[in-house]
């Protein structure tokens, strides 16, 4: 697998109120394949979809259901760059299987994330 490039869109994450129904829809319509990570998360690959991504289960009403995820090999540096440019950290750095990430708001209020391998 080719290592992602810094500062590029690398992953897109959607919200879902029903993971199984969401998977069934994308399988039937587009032929996507999924890898489950527990009951609350499933991912798809760029082989079928054109970009790696996933669906996160939420009980909340879905208002902005897409989270664009960029890659950067140094999360501390990327986080500081966001702060220095006037962005706000919404979710501080946390670990997940295979990596770490944080989420931020740009000056217009758009939420994005930056991740790296552990």
C-alpha atoms as a PDB file:
ATOM      1  CA  UNK A   1       0.000   0.000   0.000  1.00  0.00           C
ATOM      2  CA  UNK A   2       1.318   3.427  -0.952  1.00  0.00           C
ATOM      3  CA  UNK A   3       1.828   5.831   1.962  1.00  0.00           C
ATOM      4  CA  UNK A   4      -0.513   8.851   1.820  1.00  0.00           C
ATOM      5  CA  UNK A   5       0.876  12.275   0.994  1.00  0.00           C
ATOM      6  CA  UNK A   6       0.813  15.070   3.578  1.00  0.00           C
ATOM      7  CA  UNK A   7      -2.018  17.589   3.350  1.00  0.00           C
ATOM      8  CA  UNK A   8      -4.142  15.609   0.868  1.00  0.00           C
ATOM      9  CA  UNK A   9      -7.684  14.336   1.200  1.00  0.00           C
ATOM     10  CA  UNK A  10      -7.177  10.717   2.154  1.00  0.00           C
ATOM     11  CA  UNK A  11     -10.464   9.522   3.644  1.00  0.00           C
ATOM     12  CA  UNK A  12     -14.085  10.564   3.780  1.00  0.00           C
ATOM     13  CA  UNK A  13     -16.323   9.670   6.690  1.00  0.00           C
ATOM     14  CA  UNK A  14     -20.116   9.734   6.685  1.00  0.00           C
ATOM     15  CA  UNK A  15     -22.615   9.479   9.535  1.00  0.00           C
ATOM     16  CA  UNK A  16     -25.270   6.750   9.603  1.00  0.00           C
ATOM     17  CA  UNK A  17     -28.299   6.140  11.783  1.00  0.00           C
ATOM     18  CA  UNK A  18     -28.381   2.485  10.667  1.00  0.00           C
ATOM     19  CA  UNK A  19     -25.076   0.879   9.639  1.00  0.00           C
ATOM     20  CA  UNK A  20     -26.648  -2.320   8.254  1.00  0.00           C
ATOM     21  CA  UNK A  21     -29.174  -0.431   6.094  1.00  0.00           C
ATOM     22  CA  UNK A  22     -26.436   1.924   4.894  1.00  0.00           C
ATOM     23  CA  UNK A  23     -24.179  -0.985   3.931  1.00  0.00           C
ATOM     24  CA  UNK A  24     -27.029  -2.774   2.155  1.00  0.00           C
ATOM     25  CA  UNK A  25     -27.794   0.369   0.139  1.00  0.00           C
ATOM     26  CA  UNK A  26     -24.209   0.928  -1.067  1.00  0.00           C
ATOM     27  CA  UNK A  27     -23.698  -2.778  -1.773  1.00  0.00           C
ATOM     28  CA  UNK A  28     -26.861  -2.954  -3.873  1.00  0.00           C
ATOM     29  CA  UNK A  29     -26.433   0.342  -5.706  1.00  0.00           C
ATOM     30  CA  UNK A  30     -22.646   0.496  -6.206  1.00  0.00           C
ATOM     31  CA  UNK A  31     -21.254  -2.936  -5.320  1.00  0.00           C
ATOM     32  CA  UNK A  32     -19.088  -1.595  -2.491  1.00  0.00           C
ATOM     33  CA  UNK A  33     -17.516  -3.996   0.031  1.00  0.00           C
ATOM     34  CA  UNK A  34     -17.233  -3.196   3.739  1.00  0.00           C
ATOM     35  CA  UNK A  35     -15.020  -4.022   6.697  1.00  0.00           C
ATOM     36  CA  UNK A  36     -16.733  -3.738  10.078  1.00  0.00           C
ATOM     37  CA  UNK A  37     -14.970  -2.347  13.155  1.00  0.00           C
ATOM     38  CA  UNK A  38     -17.470  -3.165  15.853  1.00  0.00           C
ATOM     39  CA  UNK A  39     -21.154  -2.212  15.836  1.00  0.00           C
ATOM     40  CA  UNK A  40     -20.599   1.505  15.290  1.00  0.00           C
ATOM     41  CA  UNK A  41     -18.194   1.710  12.356  1.00  0.00           C
ATOM     42  CA  UNK A  42     -17.716   0.217   8.913  1.00  0.00           C
ATOM     43  CA  UNK A  43     -15.259   1.181   6.208  1.00  0.00           C
ATOM     44  CA  UNK A  44     -15.090   0.926   2.420  1.00  0.00           C
ATOM     45  CA  UNK A  45     -12.084   1.057   0.126  1.00  0.00           C
ATOM     46  CA  UNK A  46     -11.110   3.083  -2.892  1.00  0.00           C
ATOM     47  CA  UNK A  47     -10.999  -0.089  -4.979  1.00  0.00           C
ATOM     48  CA  UNK A  48     -14.780   0.092  -5.356  1.00  0.00           C
ATOM     49  CA  UNK A  49     -15.556   3.695  -4.377  1.00  0.00           C
ATOM     50  CA  UNK A  50     -12.622   5.782  -5.616  1.00  0.00           C
ATOM     51  CA  UNK A  51     -11.568   6.864  -2.100  1.00  0.00           C
ATOM     52  CA  UNK A  52     -11.170   5.162   1.255  1.00  0.00           C
ATOM     53  CA  UNK A  53     -13.918   5.993   3.709  1.00  0.00           C
ATOM     54  CA  UNK A  54     -16.362   4.821   6.292  1.00  0.00           C
ATOM     55  CA  UNK A  55     -19.664   5.226   8.072  1.00  0.00           C
ATOM     56  CA  UNK A  56     -19.905   6.049  11.775  1.00  0.00           C
ATOM     57  CA  UNK A  57     -23.106   5.217  13.653  1.00  0.00           C
ATOM     58  CA  UNK A  58     -24.832   8.100  15.367  1.00  0.00           C
ATOM     59  CA  UNK A  59     -28.127   8.484  17.190  1.00  0.00           C
ATOM     60  CA  UNK A  60     -28.131  12.229  16.481  1.00  0.00           C
ATOM     61  CA  UNK A  61     -29.955  13.844  13.594  1.00  0.00           C
ATOM     62  CA  UNK A  62     -27.526  14.031  10.691  1.00  0.00           C
ATOM     63  CA  UNK A  63     -26.983  17.666   9.753  1.00  0.00           C
ATOM     64  CA  UNK A  64     -23.528  17.630   8.176  1.00  0.00           C
ATOM     65  CA  UNK A  65     -23.017  13.953   7.506  1.00  0.00           C
ATOM     66  CA  UNK A  66     -19.587  14.064   5.837  1.00  0.00           C
ATOM     67  CA  UNK A  67     -16.203  14.357   7.515  1.00  0.00           C
ATOM     68  CA  UNK A  68     -13.318  14.917   5.101  1.00  0.00           C
ATOM     69  CA  UNK A  69     -10.125  13.443   6.523  1.00  0.00           C
ATOM     70  CA  UNK A  70      -6.689  14.659   5.457  1.00  0.00           C
ATOM     71  CA  UNK A  71      -3.392  12.894   6.083  1.00  0.00           C
ATOM     72  CA  UNK A  72      -0.289  14.332   7.747  1.00  0.00           C
ATOM     73  CA  UNK A  73       2.640  12.372   9.160  1.00  0.00           C
ATOM     74  CA  UNK A  74       3.024  14.773  12.118  1.00  0.00           C
ATOM     75  CA  UNK A  75      -0.246  15.448  13.968  1.00  0.00           C
ATOM     76  CA  UNK A  76       1.337  17.849  16.457  1.00  0.00           C
ATOM     77  CA  UNK A  77       2.634  20.018  13.603  1.00  0.00           C
ATOM     78  CA  UNK A  78      -0.654  19.822  11.694  1.00  0.00           C
ATOM     79  CA  UNK A  79      -2.638  20.720  14.817  1.00  0.00           C
ATOM     80  CA  UNK A  80      -0.416  23.730  15.496  1.00  0.00           C
ATOM     81  CA  UNK A  81      -0.775  24.829  11.855  1.00  0.00           C
ATOM     82  CA  UNK A  82      -4.573  24.717  12.232  1.00  0.00           C
ATOM     83  CA  UNK A  83      -4.431  26.816  15.417  1.00  0.00           C
ATOM     84  CA  UNK A  84      -1.925  29.294  13.956  1.00  0.00           C
ATOM     85  CA  UNK A  85      -4.153  29.807  10.909  1.00  0.00           C
ATOM     86  CA  UNK A  86      -7.222  30.611  13.034  1.00  0.00           C
ATOM     87  CA  UNK A  87      -8.882  27.181  13.105  1.00  0.00           C
ATOM     88  CA  UNK A  88     -10.376  25.700  16.251  1.00  0.00           C
ATOM     89  CA  UNK A  89      -9.743  22.203  17.565  1.00  0.00           C
ATOM     90  CA  UNK A  90     -13.092  20.433  17.983  1.00  0.00           C
ATOM     91  CA  UNK A  91     -11.806  16.963  18.986  1.00  0.00           C
ATOM     92  CA  UNK A  92      -8.259  16.727  20.321  1.00  0.00           C
ATOM     93  CA  UNK A  93      -5.836  14.023  19.195  1.00  0.00           C
ATOM     94  CA  UNK A  94      -7.102  10.507  19.919  1.00  0.00           C
ATOM     95  CA  UNK A  95      -6.056   7.021  18.913  1.00  0.00           C
ATOM     96  CA  UNK A  96      -8.021   4.480  16.879  1.00  0.00           C
ATOM     97  CA  UNK A  97      -6.980   1.085  15.459  1.00  0.00           C
ATOM     98  CA  UNK A  98      -4.051   1.837  13.162  1.00  0.00           C
ATOM     99  CA  UNK A  99      -3.659   5.543  13.777  1.00  0.00           C
ATOM    100  CA  UNK A 100      -4.454   8.796  15.538  1.00  0.00           C
ATOM    101  CA  UNK A 101      -6.389  11.870  14.513  1.00  0.00           C
ATOM    102  CA  UNK A 102      -7.923  15.169  15.550  1.00  0.00           C
ATOM    103  CA  UNK A 103     -10.868  17.160  14.228  1.00  0.00           C
ATOM    104  CA  UNK A 104     -10.996  20.884  13.652  1.00  0.00           C
ATOM    105  CA  UNK A 105     -13.236  23.699  12.465  1.00  0.00           C
ATOM    106  CA  UNK A 106     -12.008  26.024   9.737  1.00  0.00           C
ATOM    107  CA  UNK A 107     -12.826  29.768   9.998  1.00  0.00           C
ATOM    108  CA  UNK A 108     -16.190  29.151   8.267  1.00  0.00           C
ATOM    109  CA  UNK A 109     -17.153  26.356  10.660  1.00  0.00           C
ATOM    110  CA  UNK A 110     -16.499  23.405   8.319  1.00  0.00           C
ATOM    111  CA  UNK A 111     -15.376  20.350  10.286  1.00  0.00           C
ATOM    112  CA  UNK A 112     -12.472  18.306   8.947  1.00  0.00           C
ATOM    113  CA  UNK A 113     -10.010  15.831  10.451  1.00  0.00           C
ATOM    114  CA  UNK A 114      -6.308  15.058  10.124  1.00  0.00           C
ATOM    115  CA  UNK A 115      -4.935  11.569  10.759  1.00  0.00           C
ATOM    116  CA  UNK A 116      -1.631   9.698  10.831  1.00  0.00           C
ATOM    117  CA  UNK A 117      -0.428   6.132  11.330  1.00  0.00           C
ATOM    118  CA  UNK A 118       0.569   5.127  14.886  1.00  0.00           C
END
